[in-house]
C-alpha atoms as a PDB file:
ATOM      1  CA  MET A   1      -0.161  -0.006   0.359  1.00  0.00           C
ATOM      2  CA  LEU A   2       2.906   1.952   0.587  1.00  0.00           C
ATOM      3  CA  LEU A   3       3.990   1.834  -2.738  1.00  0.00           C
ATOM      4  CA  GLU A   4       0.347   3.048  -4.069  1.00  0.00           C
ATOM      5  CA  ILE A   5       0.313   5.679  -2.168  1.00  0.00           C
ATOM      6  CA  LEU A   6       4.148   7.060  -3.280  1.00  0.00           C
ATOM      7  CA  ASN A   7       2.572   6.577  -6.636  1.00  0.00           C
ATOM      8  CA  LEU A   8      -0.168   8.917  -6.245  1.00  0.00           C
ATOM      9  CA  VAL A   9       2.032  11.527  -4.073  1.00  0.00           C
ATOM     10  CA  LEU A  10       4.203  12.131  -6.804  1.00  0.00           C
ATOM     11  CA  GLY A  11       1.791  12.170  -9.259  1.00  0.00           C
ATOM     12  CA  ILE A  12      -0.430  15.139  -8.182  1.00  0.00           C
ATOM     13  CA  ILE A  13       3.065  16.543  -7.631  1.00  0.00           C
ATOM     14  CA  PHE A  14       3.994  15.827 -11.069  1.00  0.00           C
ATOM     15  CA  GLY A  15       0.986  17.759 -11.942  1.00  0.00           C
ATOM     16  CA  PHE A  16       0.728  20.665 -10.318  1.00  0.00           C
ATOM     17  CA  PHE A  17       4.201  21.942 -11.137  1.00  0.00           C
ATOM     18  CA  HIS A  18       3.390  20.561 -14.534  1.00  0.00           C
ATOM     19  CA  LYS A  19       3.976  23.545 -16.958  1.00  0.00           C
ATOM     20  CA  GLY A  20       0.240  24.124 -19.521  1.00  0.00           C
ATOM     21  CA  LYS A  21      -2.508  24.397 -17.094  1.00  0.00           C
ATOM     22  CA  GLU A  22      -5.257  23.208 -18.986  1.00  0.00           C
ATOM     23  CA  ASP A  23      -3.045  21.294 -21.518  1.00  0.00           C
ATOM     24  CA  TYR A  24      -4.806  17.729 -20.716  1.00  0.00           C
ATOM     25  CA  MET A  25      -3.083  15.696 -23.730  1.00  0.00           C
ATOM     26  CA  GLY A  26       0.132  16.877 -23.400  1.00  0.00           C
ATOM     27  CA  LEU A  27      -0.356  16.347 -19.301  1.00  0.00           C
ATOM     28  CA  LEU A  28      -1.776  13.265 -20.176  1.00  0.00           C
ATOM     29  CA  ARG A  29       1.122  11.914 -22.269  1.00  0.00           C
ATOM     30  CA  ASN A  30       3.724  13.431 -19.750  1.00  0.00           C
ATOM     31  CA  GLY A  31       2.095  11.340 -17.314  1.00  0.00           C
ATOM     32  CA  ALA A  32       2.164   7.909 -18.831  1.00  0.00           C
ATOM     33  CA  ILE A  33       5.434   8.450 -19.543  1.00  0.00           C
ATOM     34  CA  ALA A  34       6.193   9.278 -16.297  1.00  0.00           C
ATOM     35  CA  GLY A  35       4.286   7.050 -15.147  1.00  0.00           C
ATOM     36  CA  LEU A  36       5.075   4.288 -17.106  1.00  0.00           C
ATOM     37  CA  ILE A  37       9.197   4.343 -15.737  1.00  0.00           C
ATOM     38  CA  LEU A  38       7.753   5.011 -12.215  1.00  0.00           C
ATOM     39  CA  GLY A  39       5.344   1.625 -12.257  1.00  0.00           C
ATOM     40  CA  ILE A  40       8.224   0.379 -13.657  1.00  0.00           C
ATOM     41  CA  ILE A  41      10.328   1.161 -10.869  1.00  0.00           C
ATOM     42  CA  PHE A  42       8.233   0.620  -8.237  1.00  0.00           C
ATOM     43  CA  VAL A  43       6.573  -3.133  -9.424  1.00  0.00           C
ATOM     44  CA  LEU A  44      10.622  -4.422  -9.343  1.00  0.00           C
ATOM     45  CA  VAL A  45      11.505  -3.188  -5.917  1.00  0.00           C
ATOM     46  CA  ALA A  46       7.269  -4.334  -4.515  1.00  0.00           C
ATOM     47  CA  LYS A  47       8.611  -7.814  -6.493  1.00  0.00           C
ATOM     48  CA  TYR A  48      12.046  -8.378  -5.589  1.00  0.00           C
ATOM     49  CA  CYS A  49      13.511  -6.799  -3.395  1.00  0.00           C
ATOM     50  CA  VAL A  50      11.024  -5.836  -0.739  1.00  0.00           C
ATOM     51  CA  PRO A  51       8.236  -8.702  -1.340  1.00  0.00           C
ATOM     52  CA  GLY A  52       4.819  -8.124   0.200  1.00  0.00           C
ATOM     53  CA  LEU A  53       5.588  -4.393  -0.345  1.00  0.00           C
ATOM     54  CA  MET A  54       2.541  -3.825  -2.321  1.00  0.00           C
ATOM     55  CA  ASP A  55      -1.381  -3.944  -1.786  1.00  0.00           C
ATOM     56  CA  ILE A  56      -2.495  -4.571  -5.926  1.00  0.00           C
ATOM     57  CA  ASP A  57      -0.868  -8.110  -6.559  1.00  0.00           C
ATOM     58  CA  VAL A  58      -1.526  -9.714  -8.815  1.00  0.00           C
ATOM     59  CA  SER A  59       1.499 -12.234  -9.496  1.00  0.00           C
ATOM     60  CA  PHE A  60      -0.233 -15.097  -9.532  1.00  0.00           C
ATOM     61  CA  LEU A  61      -0.783 -14.711 -12.738  1.00  0.00           C
ATOM     62  CA  GLY A  62       3.340 -14.510 -13.698  1.00  0.00           C
ATOM     63  CA  VAL A  63       4.415 -12.366 -16.552  1.00  0.00           C
ATOM     64  CA  PHE A  64       1.152 -10.943 -17.495  1.00  0.00           C
ATOM     65  CA  GLY A  65       0.375 -10.201 -13.170  1.00  0.00           C
ATOM     66  CA  ILE A  66       3.314  -8.159 -13.614  1.00  0.00           C
ATOM     67  CA  PHE A  67       1.983  -5.808 -16.695  1.00  0.00           C
ATOM     68  CA  ILE A  68      -1.061  -5.697 -14.976  1.00  0.00           C
ATOM     69  CA  ASP A  69       0.533  -4.097 -11.831  1.00  0.00           C
ATOM     70  CA  ILE A  70       2.766  -1.523 -13.984  1.00  0.00           C
ATOM     71  CA  ILE A  71      -0.669  -0.627 -15.872  1.00  0.00           C
ATOM     72  CA  ILE A  72      -2.701  -0.098 -12.144  1.00  0.00           C
ATOM     73  CA  PHE A  73       1.086   2.246 -11.501  1.00  0.00           C
ATOM     74  CA  VAL A  74       0.076   4.230 -14.635  1.00  0.00           C
ATOM     75  CA  ILE A  75      -3.732   4.617 -13.845  1.00  0.00           C
ATOM     76  CA  ILE A  76      -2.552   5.285 -10.459  1.00  0.00           C
ATOM     77  CA  TYR A  77       0.302   7.642 -11.823  1.00  0.00           C
ATOM     78  CA  ILE A  78      -2.651  10.413 -13.689  1.00  0.00           C
ATOM     79  CA  ILE A  79      -4.866  10.295 -11.511  1.00  0.00           C
ATOM     80  CA  GLY A  80      -2.736  12.001  -9.666  1.00  0.00           C
ATOM     81  CA  ALA A  81      -1.732  14.181 -12.205  1.00  0.00           C
ATOM     82  CA  PHE A  82      -4.703  15.147 -12.528  1.00  0.00           C
ATOM     83  CA  ILE A  83      -5.398  15.940  -9.119  1.00  0.00           C
ATOM     84  CA  GLY A  84      -2.194  17.744  -8.648  1.00  0.00           C
ATOM     85  CA  ASP A  85      -3.155  20.079 -11.929  1.00  0.00           C
ATOM     86  CA  ARG A  86      -6.852  21.082 -10.881  1.00  0.00           C
ATOM     87  CA  LEU A  87      -5.525  21.848  -7.323  1.00  0.00           C
ATOM     88  CA  SER A  88      -3.116  24.263  -8.807  1.00  0.00           C
ATOM     89  CA  SER A  89      -5.320  25.756 -11.010  1.00  0.00           C
ATOM     90  CA  LEU A  90      -7.864  26.283  -7.849  1.00  0.00           C
ATOM     91  CA  LEU A  91      -4.700  27.660  -5.160  1.00  0.00           C
ATOM     92  CA  LYS A  92      -3.310  29.912  -8.335  1.00  0.00           C
ATOM     93  CA  LYS A  93      -7.528  31.778  -8.388  1.00  0.00           C
END
């Protein structure tokens, strides 16, 4: 659960400091790229360095489960980026 929350917080920070407010396609593209990189890192850390650190675990599916875990992390990161962008626009008004 810690890695998912950390991923969400990093997404919120990314969205808050992202330039070009209200550019949702750019935010989605850049957030997906950053989320993919962080998702790969977090899943590999959770699977091999510190097993049992992830709450969302579909490792019973094998390699396909690792890809699902990465996609889940990307989605969490993108949601955080949109929340951060929304917070940024609300606080600047």
